[in-house]
């Protein structure tokens, strides 16, 4: 059942209905254009800044540097610095917790090296790990990540 408008509100209602009927297609088109624009994936122009890949066990390329004898690997809040290092066989590497949180240093592969446990690695603490054999040793902090993402690092022993 419909009711007819009478009196002074009838022309206003008809006018409002006409405005809405004309605006609705324009609003819908604008929303569609906005949705398409927001979903478009663009590659930034060269030189516009670095793009990064999430640190994963298989996809992250770590730049390694030769680690001088007296330089430790800093364990910061949410990252190791440097993330990658090259050392000679038999080298003892120092890890320093320069963050504000407890950390640990765990090998990806169990038994690859003696882990540095959280209960022994508080802010300001230092720990050492000896890498006796050549190879690639990946490590992570389980407090701030896991083997696939978060605080991960690599030591290449030559």
N, C-alpha and C. Protein backbone atom coordinates (compact mmCIF):
# COMPACT_ATOMS: atom_id res chain seq x y z
N UNK A 1 0.83 -1.17 0.00
CA UNK A 1 0.00 0.00 0.00
C UNK A 1 0.87 1.23 0.00
N UNK A 2 0.58 2.18 -0.85
CA UNK A 2 1.37 3.40 -0.91
C UNK A 2 0.50 4.57 -0.50
N UNK A 3 1.17 5.56 0.01
CA UNK A 3 0.44 6.76 0.41
C UNK A 3 0.90 7.90 -0.45
N UNK A 4 -0.01 8.70 -0.91
CA UNK A 4 0.33 9.85 -1.73
C UNK A 4 0.66 11.01 -0.83
N UNK A 5 1.69 11.75 -1.20
CA UNK A 5 2.06 12.92 -0.43
C UNK A 5 1.14 14.06 -0.83
N UNK A 6 0.74 14.80 0.15
CA UNK A 6 -0.13 15.95 -0.11
C UNK A 6 0.44 17.16 0.57
N UNK A 7 0.04 18.26 0.16
CA UNK A 7 0.43 19.50 0.81
C UNK A 7 1.79 19.98 0.31
N UNK A 8 2.51 20.70 1.17
CA UNK A 8 3.73 21.38 0.76
C UNK A 8 4.95 20.46 0.67
N UNK A 9 4.90 19.25 1.25
CA UNK A 9 6.08 18.38 1.19
C UNK A 9 6.15 17.55 -0.09
N UNK A 10 5.10 17.49 -0.90
CA UNK A 10 5.10 16.70 -2.12
C UNK A 10 6.12 17.19 -3.13
N UNK A 11 6.22 18.49 -3.44
CA UNK A 11 7.21 18.93 -4.42
C UNK A 11 8.64 18.72 -3.91
N UNK A 12 8.89 18.90 -2.61
CA UNK A 12 10.23 18.73 -2.06
C UNK A 12 10.65 17.26 -2.16
N UNK A 13 9.76 16.35 -1.87
CA UNK A 13 10.08 14.93 -1.95
C UNK A 13 10.36 14.53 -3.39
N UNK A 14 9.60 15.01 -4.31
CA UNK A 14 9.82 14.70 -5.72
C UNK A 14 11.15 15.26 -6.19
N UNK A 15 11.48 16.46 -5.74
CA UNK A 15 12.74 17.08 -6.12
C UNK A 15 13.93 16.29 -5.56
N UNK A 16 13.85 15.88 -4.27
CA UNK A 16 14.91 15.10 -3.64
C UNK A 16 15.08 13.76 -4.35
N UNK A 17 13.99 13.12 -4.68
CA UNK A 17 14.04 11.84 -5.39
C UNK A 17 14.74 12.01 -6.74
N UNK A 18 14.45 13.08 -7.44
CA UNK A 18 15.08 13.33 -8.74
C UNK A 18 16.58 13.57 -8.61
N UNK A 19 16.98 14.30 -7.57
CA UNK A 19 18.41 14.57 -7.35
C UNK A 19 19.14 13.26 -7.03
N UNK A 20 18.58 12.45 -6.14
CA UNK A 20 19.20 11.18 -5.79
C UNK A 20 19.29 10.25 -6.99
N UNK A 21 18.26 10.23 -7.80
CA UNK A 21 18.25 9.37 -8.98
C UNK A 21 19.34 9.79 -9.96
N UNK A 22 19.61 11.08 -10.07
CA UNK A 22 20.67 11.56 -10.97
C UNK A 22 22.06 11.37 -10.38
N UNK A 23 22.21 11.47 -9.05
CA UNK A 23 23.51 11.36 -8.41
C UNK A 23 23.98 9.92 -8.22
N UNK A 24 23.06 9.00 -8.04
CA UNK A 24 23.43 7.63 -7.74
C UNK A 24 24.39 7.03 -8.78
N UNK A 25 24.13 7.16 -10.08
CA UNK A 25 25.09 6.59 -11.04
C UNK A 25 26.47 7.25 -10.95
N UNK A 26 26.54 8.53 -10.69
CA UNK A 26 27.83 9.22 -10.57
C UNK A 26 28.60 8.76 -9.33
N UNK A 27 27.90 8.58 -8.22
CA UNK A 27 28.53 8.11 -6.99
C UNK A 27 29.04 6.68 -7.18
N UNK A 28 28.25 5.84 -7.82
CA UNK A 28 28.66 4.46 -8.06
C UNK A 28 29.88 4.41 -8.97
N UNK A 29 29.91 5.24 -10.00
CA UNK A 29 31.06 5.28 -10.91
C UNK A 29 32.31 5.75 -10.19
N UNK A 30 32.19 6.76 -9.36
CA UNK A 30 33.33 7.27 -8.60
C UNK A 30 33.87 6.20 -7.64
N UNK A 31 32.99 5.46 -7.00
CA UNK A 31 33.42 4.40 -6.09
C UNK A 31 34.15 3.30 -6.86
N UNK A 32 33.67 2.95 -8.04
CA UNK A 32 34.32 1.93 -8.85
C UNK A 32 35.70 2.40 -9.30
N UNK A 33 35.84 3.62 -9.75
CA UNK A 33 37.14 4.16 -10.16
C UNK A 33 38.10 4.17 -8.97
N UNK A 34 37.63 4.56 -7.80
CA UNK A 34 38.47 4.57 -6.60
C UNK A 34 38.94 3.18 -6.23
N UNK A 35 38.07 2.21 -6.32
CA UNK A 35 38.43 0.83 -5.97
C UNK A 35 39.48 0.29 -6.93
N UNK A 36 39.33 0.58 -8.23
CA UNK A 36 40.30 0.12 -9.22
C UNK A 36 41.64 0.82 -9.00
N UNK A 37 41.62 2.10 -8.73
CA UNK A 37 42.87 2.86 -8.52
C UNK A 37 43.61 2.37 -7.28
N UNK A 38 42.88 2.04 -6.23
CA UNK A 38 43.52 1.57 -5.00
C UNK A 38 44.11 0.18 -5.16
N UNK A 39 43.57 -0.62 -6.06
CA UNK A 39 44.06 -1.97 -6.21
C UNK A 39 45.18 -2.08 -7.22
N UNK A 40 45.50 -1.04 -7.94
CA UNK A 40 46.52 -1.07 -8.96
C UNK A 40 47.89 -1.18 -8.31
N UNK A 41 48.69 -2.11 -8.79
CA UNK A 41 50.03 -2.31 -8.25
C UNK A 41 51.03 -1.70 -9.23
N UNK A 42 51.80 -0.76 -8.76
CA UNK A 42 52.79 -0.13 -9.61
C UNK A 42 54.17 -0.39 -9.08
N UNK A 43 55.12 -0.51 -9.98
CA UNK A 43 56.50 -0.62 -9.60
C UNK A 43 57.03 0.80 -9.47
N UNK A 44 57.69 1.13 -8.34
CA UNK A 44 58.19 2.48 -8.19
C UNK A 44 59.25 2.77 -9.23
N UNK A 45 59.35 4.03 -9.68
CA UNK A 45 60.36 4.37 -10.66
C UNK A 45 61.75 4.15 -10.10
N UNK A 46 62.69 3.88 -11.00
CA UNK A 46 64.06 3.66 -10.59
C UNK A 46 64.58 4.86 -9.82
N UNK A 47 65.22 4.61 -8.69
CA UNK A 47 65.76 5.70 -7.88
C UNK A 47 64.76 6.29 -6.92
N UNK A 48 63.54 5.75 -6.89
CA UNK A 48 62.52 6.31 -6.01
C UNK A 48 62.59 5.74 -4.61
N UNK A 49 63.54 4.91 -4.32
CA UNK A 49 63.64 4.29 -3.00
C UNK A 49 63.72 2.79 -3.15
N UNK A 50 64.21 2.17 -2.13
CA UNK A 50 64.42 0.74 -2.17
C UNK A 50 63.13 -0.01 -1.92
N UNK A 51 63.00 -1.14 -2.58
CA UNK A 51 61.91 -2.04 -2.26
C UNK A 51 62.52 -3.21 -1.52
N UNK A 52 61.77 -3.78 -0.63
CA UNK A 52 62.32 -4.88 0.17
C UNK A 52 61.45 -6.10 0.02
N UNK A 53 62.05 -7.22 0.24
CA UNK A 53 61.35 -8.49 0.28
C UNK A 53 61.26 -8.89 1.74
N UNK A 54 60.12 -9.37 2.16
CA UNK A 54 59.99 -9.80 3.55
C UNK A 54 61.05 -10.84 3.85
N UNK A 55 61.65 -10.74 5.03
CA UNK A 55 62.71 -11.69 5.34
C UNK A 55 62.17 -13.10 5.52
N UNK A 56 62.40 -13.92 4.53
CA UNK A 56 61.97 -15.31 4.62
C UNK A 56 63.16 -16.21 4.42
N UNK A 57 63.02 -17.41 4.81
CA UNK A 57 64.12 -18.37 4.74
C UNK A 57 64.61 -18.56 3.31
N UNK A 58 63.74 -18.46 2.33
CA UNK A 58 64.13 -18.75 0.96
C UNK A 58 64.26 -17.52 0.08
N UNK A 59 63.61 -16.40 0.41
CA UNK A 59 63.59 -15.30 -0.54
C UNK A 59 64.51 -14.13 -0.20
N UNK A 60 64.96 -14.01 1.01
CA UNK A 60 65.72 -12.83 1.38
C UNK A 60 67.18 -12.98 1.00
N UNK A 61 67.68 -12.01 0.28
CA UNK A 61 69.09 -11.97 -0.05
C UNK A 61 69.77 -11.09 0.99
N UNK A 62 70.74 -11.64 1.67
CA UNK A 62 71.43 -10.91 2.72
C UNK A 62 72.78 -10.46 2.19
N UNK A 63 73.04 -9.17 2.31
CA UNK A 63 74.35 -8.65 1.94
C UNK A 63 75.29 -8.99 3.07
N UNK A 64 76.38 -9.66 2.74
CA UNK A 64 77.33 -10.05 3.77
C UNK A 64 78.57 -9.17 3.70
N UNK A 65 79.17 -8.96 4.84
CA UNK A 65 80.41 -8.20 4.91
C UNK A 65 81.42 -9.02 5.70
N UNK A 66 82.68 -8.82 5.37
CA UNK A 66 83.72 -9.49 6.14
C UNK A 66 83.72 -8.85 7.52
N UNK A 67 83.55 -9.66 8.53
CA UNK A 67 83.44 -9.15 9.90
C UNK A 67 84.84 -9.03 10.51
N UNK A 68 85.29 -7.80 10.80
CA UNK A 68 86.60 -7.63 11.42
C UNK A 68 86.67 -8.35 12.77
N UNK A 69 87.86 -8.74 13.17
CA UNK A 69 88.06 -9.49 14.41
C UNK A 69 87.41 -8.83 15.63
N UNK A 70 87.50 -7.53 15.73
CA UNK A 70 87.01 -6.85 16.94
C UNK A 70 85.58 -6.33 16.82
N UNK A 71 84.90 -6.65 15.72
CA UNK A 71 83.53 -6.14 15.54
C UNK A 71 82.53 -7.23 15.90
N UNK A 72 81.61 -6.93 16.83
CA UNK A 72 80.57 -7.91 17.17
C UNK A 72 79.39 -7.81 16.21
N UNK A 73 78.52 -8.78 16.29
CA UNK A 73 77.22 -8.67 15.64
C UNK A 73 76.30 -8.08 16.70
N UNK A 74 75.72 -6.94 16.38
CA UNK A 74 74.81 -6.28 17.31
C UNK A 74 73.44 -6.93 17.23
N UNK A 75 72.88 -7.22 18.37
CA UNK A 75 71.53 -7.75 18.45
C UNK A 75 70.67 -6.60 18.94
N UNK A 76 69.92 -6.05 18.01
CA UNK A 76 69.10 -4.87 18.30
C UNK A 76 67.64 -5.32 18.42
N UNK A 77 66.78 -4.40 18.74
CA UNK A 77 65.37 -4.75 18.82
C UNK A 77 64.82 -4.86 17.40
N UNK A 78 64.57 -6.07 16.96
CA UNK A 78 63.98 -6.43 15.67
C UNK A 78 64.97 -6.66 14.54
N UNK A 79 66.29 -6.63 14.81
CA UNK A 79 67.23 -6.98 13.74
C UNK A 79 68.63 -7.26 14.29
N UNK A 80 69.40 -7.98 13.47
CA UNK A 80 70.81 -8.18 13.72
C UNK A 80 71.58 -7.20 12.84
N UNK A 81 72.71 -6.70 13.34
CA UNK A 81 73.53 -5.83 12.49
C UNK A 81 74.99 -6.20 12.65
N UNK A 82 75.63 -6.58 11.57
CA UNK A 82 75.06 -6.80 10.24
C UNK A 82 74.23 -8.08 10.20
N UNK A 83 73.33 -8.14 9.22
CA UNK A 83 72.49 -9.33 9.05
C UNK A 83 73.29 -10.48 8.47
N UNK A 84 74.34 -10.16 7.75
CA UNK A 84 75.16 -11.18 7.14
C UNK A 84 76.63 -10.86 7.35
N UNK A 85 77.42 -11.89 7.64
CA UNK A 85 78.85 -11.68 7.87
C UNK A 85 79.64 -12.86 7.33
N UNK A 86 80.87 -12.57 6.92
CA UNK A 86 81.79 -13.59 6.46
C UNK A 86 82.93 -13.64 7.46
N UNK A 87 83.26 -14.85 7.93
CA UNK A 87 84.36 -15.02 8.88
C UNK A 87 85.19 -16.22 8.45
N UNK A 88 86.38 -16.33 9.01
CA UNK A 88 87.24 -17.47 8.69
C UNK A 88 86.92 -18.64 9.62
N UNK A 89 87.25 -19.83 9.15
CA UNK A 89 86.99 -21.05 9.91
C UNK A 89 87.71 -21.01 11.26
N UNK A 90 87.01 -21.44 12.29
CA UNK A 90 87.57 -21.44 13.64
C UNK A 90 87.36 -20.15 14.40
N UNK A 91 86.72 -19.20 13.79
CA UNK A 91 86.52 -17.87 14.38
C UNK A 91 85.45 -17.89 15.45
N UNK A 92 85.71 -17.17 16.53
CA UNK A 92 84.71 -16.95 17.57
C UNK A 92 84.07 -15.60 17.30
N UNK A 93 82.76 -15.60 17.14
CA UNK A 93 82.00 -14.39 16.84
C UNK A 93 81.30 -13.93 18.11
N UNK A 94 81.39 -12.64 18.38
CA UNK A 94 80.74 -12.05 19.54
C UNK A 94 79.39 -11.47 19.14
N UNK A 95 78.37 -11.77 19.91
CA UNK A 95 77.04 -11.18 19.75
C UNK A 95 76.82 -10.28 20.97
N UNK A 96 76.40 -9.04 20.72
CA UNK A 96 76.14 -8.10 21.81
C UNK A 96 74.69 -7.66 21.78
N UNK A 97 74.01 -7.82 22.90
CA UNK A 97 72.61 -7.40 22.99
C UNK A 97 72.58 -5.90 23.27
N UNK A 98 72.47 -5.12 22.21
CA UNK A 98 72.40 -3.67 22.30
C UNK A 98 70.96 -3.17 22.25
N UNK A 99 70.01 -4.07 22.41
CA UNK A 99 68.61 -3.69 22.39
C UNK A 99 68.09 -3.42 23.79
N UNK A 100 66.80 -3.19 23.88
CA UNK A 100 66.14 -2.94 25.17
C UNK A 100 65.42 -4.16 25.68
N UNK A 101 65.50 -5.26 24.93
CA UNK A 101 64.77 -6.47 25.28
C UNK A 101 65.72 -7.66 25.37
N UNK A 102 65.25 -8.72 26.04
CA UNK A 102 65.97 -9.98 26.01
C UNK A 102 65.90 -10.52 24.58
N UNK A 103 66.93 -11.26 24.20
CA UNK A 103 66.99 -11.87 22.87
C UNK A 103 67.57 -13.26 23.01
N UNK A 104 67.65 -13.96 21.89
CA UNK A 104 68.40 -15.20 21.80
C UNK A 104 68.98 -15.29 20.40
N UNK A 105 69.91 -16.21 20.21
CA UNK A 105 70.49 -16.45 18.89
C UNK A 105 70.43 -17.96 18.69
N UNK A 106 69.52 -18.39 17.82
CA UNK A 106 69.28 -19.81 17.62
C UNK A 106 69.63 -20.22 16.19
N UNK A 107 70.26 -21.37 16.02
CA UNK A 107 70.55 -21.84 14.67
C UNK A 107 69.29 -22.33 13.97
N UNK A 108 69.23 -22.11 12.65
CA UNK A 108 68.12 -22.67 11.87
C UNK A 108 68.15 -24.19 11.99
N UNK A 109 69.35 -24.73 11.87
CA UNK A 109 69.52 -26.18 11.92
C UNK A 109 70.02 -26.57 13.30
N UNK A 110 69.21 -27.32 14.02
CA UNK A 110 69.58 -27.75 15.38
C UNK A 110 70.96 -28.39 15.37
N UNK A 111 71.81 -27.97 16.32
CA UNK A 111 73.15 -28.53 16.44
C UNK A 111 74.20 -27.87 15.58
N UNK A 112 73.81 -26.91 14.73
CA UNK A 112 74.78 -26.24 13.86
C UNK A 112 75.81 -25.46 14.68
N UNK A 113 75.36 -24.87 15.78
CA UNK A 113 76.24 -24.20 16.75
C UNK A 113 75.49 -24.12 18.07
N UNK A 114 76.24 -23.83 19.13
CA UNK A 114 75.62 -23.73 20.46
C UNK A 114 74.73 -22.50 20.51
N UNK A 115 73.45 -22.65 20.79
CA UNK A 115 72.54 -21.50 20.82
C UNK A 115 72.82 -20.59 22.01
N UNK A 116 72.49 -19.32 21.84
CA UNK A 116 72.53 -18.34 22.94
C UNK A 116 71.09 -18.23 23.43
N UNK A 117 70.84 -18.67 24.65
CA UNK A 117 69.48 -18.73 25.18
C UNK A 117 69.04 -17.39 25.76
N UNK A 118 67.75 -17.14 25.73
CA UNK A 118 67.16 -15.89 26.21
C UNK A 118 67.51 -15.59 27.65
N UNK A 119 67.47 -16.60 28.51
CA UNK A 119 67.71 -16.36 29.94
C UNK A 119 69.15 -15.94 30.23
N UNK A 120 70.03 -16.05 29.24
CA UNK A 120 71.42 -15.66 29.43
C UNK A 120 71.81 -14.49 28.53
N UNK A 121 70.81 -13.81 27.94
CA UNK A 121 71.14 -12.76 26.96
C UNK A 121 70.22 -11.56 27.12
N UNK A 122 70.45 -10.85 28.21
CA UNK A 122 69.66 -9.67 28.55
C UNK A 122 70.30 -8.43 27.93
N UNK A 123 69.59 -7.28 27.92
CA UNK A 123 70.19 -6.05 27.40
C UNK A 123 71.56 -5.78 28.04
N UNK A 124 72.54 -5.50 27.18
CA UNK A 124 73.89 -5.23 27.65
C UNK A 124 74.78 -6.46 27.72
N UNK A 125 74.20 -7.65 27.62
CA UNK A 125 74.99 -8.88 27.69
C UNK A 125 75.73 -9.16 26.39
N UNK A 126 76.80 -9.95 26.51
CA UNK A 126 77.58 -10.40 25.36
C UNK A 126 77.66 -11.91 25.40
N UNK A 127 77.70 -12.51 24.24
CA UNK A 127 77.83 -13.97 24.13
C UNK A 127 78.72 -14.27 22.93
N UNK A 128 79.39 -15.39 22.96
CA UNK A 128 80.24 -15.77 21.84
C UNK A 128 79.85 -17.14 21.31
N UNK A 129 80.07 -17.30 20.02
CA UNK A 129 79.82 -18.57 19.34
C UNK A 129 81.02 -18.84 18.45
N UNK A 130 81.57 -20.04 18.52
CA UNK A 130 82.70 -20.42 17.67
C UNK A 130 82.19 -21.23 16.49
N UNK A 131 82.61 -20.82 15.31
CA UNK A 131 82.24 -21.50 14.07
C UNK A 131 83.46 -22.25 13.55
N UNK A 132 83.52 -23.54 13.84
CA UNK A 132 84.71 -24.34 13.59
C UNK A 132 84.85 -24.77 12.13
N UNK A 133 83.74 -25.02 11.45
CA UNK A 133 83.81 -25.60 10.11
C UNK A 133 83.26 -24.62 9.07
N UNK A 134 83.82 -24.67 7.85
CA UNK A 134 83.27 -23.84 6.76
C UNK A 134 81.81 -24.22 6.49
N UNK A 135 81.04 -23.23 6.08
CA UNK A 135 79.63 -23.46 5.75
C UNK A 135 78.84 -22.18 5.92
N UNK A 136 77.55 -22.29 5.70
CA UNK A 136 76.63 -21.17 5.87
C UNK A 136 75.75 -21.48 7.07
N UNK A 137 75.78 -20.58 8.03
CA UNK A 137 75.05 -20.76 9.28
C UNK A 137 73.98 -19.67 9.38
N UNK A 138 72.73 -20.10 9.28
CA UNK A 138 71.62 -19.16 9.43
C UNK A 138 71.15 -19.20 10.87
N UNK A 139 70.76 -18.03 11.38
CA UNK A 139 70.30 -17.94 12.76
C UNK A 139 69.15 -16.97 12.86
N UNK A 140 68.45 -17.03 13.99
CA UNK A 140 67.30 -16.16 14.21
C UNK A 140 67.10 -15.93 15.69
N UNK A 141 66.25 -14.94 16.02
CA UNK A 141 65.83 -14.68 17.39
C UNK A 141 64.37 -15.08 17.49
N UNK A 142 64.07 -16.06 18.33
CA UNK A 142 62.68 -16.53 18.45
C UNK A 142 61.81 -15.57 19.25
N UNK A 143 62.43 -14.63 19.96
CA UNK A 143 61.66 -13.63 20.71
C UNK A 143 61.02 -12.63 19.73
N UNK A 144 61.72 -12.33 18.64
CA UNK A 144 61.27 -11.33 17.68
C UNK A 144 61.14 -11.91 16.27
N UNK A 145 60.72 -13.13 16.16
CA UNK A 145 60.52 -13.73 14.85
C UNK A 145 60.60 -15.23 14.91
N UNK A 146 60.88 -15.82 13.76
CA UNK A 146 61.03 -17.27 13.64
C UNK A 146 61.96 -17.54 12.46
N UNK A 147 62.08 -18.78 12.07
CA UNK A 147 62.99 -19.10 10.98
C UNK A 147 62.60 -18.43 9.66
N UNK A 148 61.32 -18.09 9.51
CA UNK A 148 60.84 -17.56 8.24
C UNK A 148 60.73 -16.04 8.19
N UNK A 149 60.66 -15.37 9.31
CA UNK A 149 60.47 -13.92 9.28
C UNK A 149 60.88 -13.29 10.59
N UNK A 150 61.27 -12.04 10.53
CA UNK A 150 61.66 -11.33 11.74
C UNK A 150 63.15 -11.17 11.81
N UNK A 151 63.71 -11.36 12.99
CA UNK A 151 65.16 -11.22 13.20
C UNK A 151 65.86 -12.48 12.70
N UNK A 152 66.48 -12.36 11.54
CA UNK A 152 67.24 -13.47 10.96
C UNK A 152 68.59 -12.96 10.49
N UNK A 153 69.57 -13.84 10.49
CA UNK A 153 70.90 -13.47 10.03
C UNK A 153 71.63 -14.68 9.47
N UNK A 154 72.78 -14.41 8.86
CA UNK A 154 73.57 -15.45 8.24
C UNK A 154 75.06 -15.19 8.47
N UNK A 155 75.79 -16.23 8.80
CA UNK A 155 77.25 -16.16 8.89
C UNK A 155 77.79 -17.18 7.90
N UNK A 156 78.66 -16.71 7.01
CA UNK A 156 79.33 -17.58 6.07
C UNK A 156 80.74 -17.79 6.59
N UNK A 157 81.09 -19.05 6.82
CA UNK A 157 82.41 -19.40 7.33
C UNK A 157 83.21 -19.99 6.17
N UNK A 158 84.39 -19.37 5.93
CA UNK A 158 85.25 -19.84 4.83
C UNK A 158 86.48 -20.50 5.34
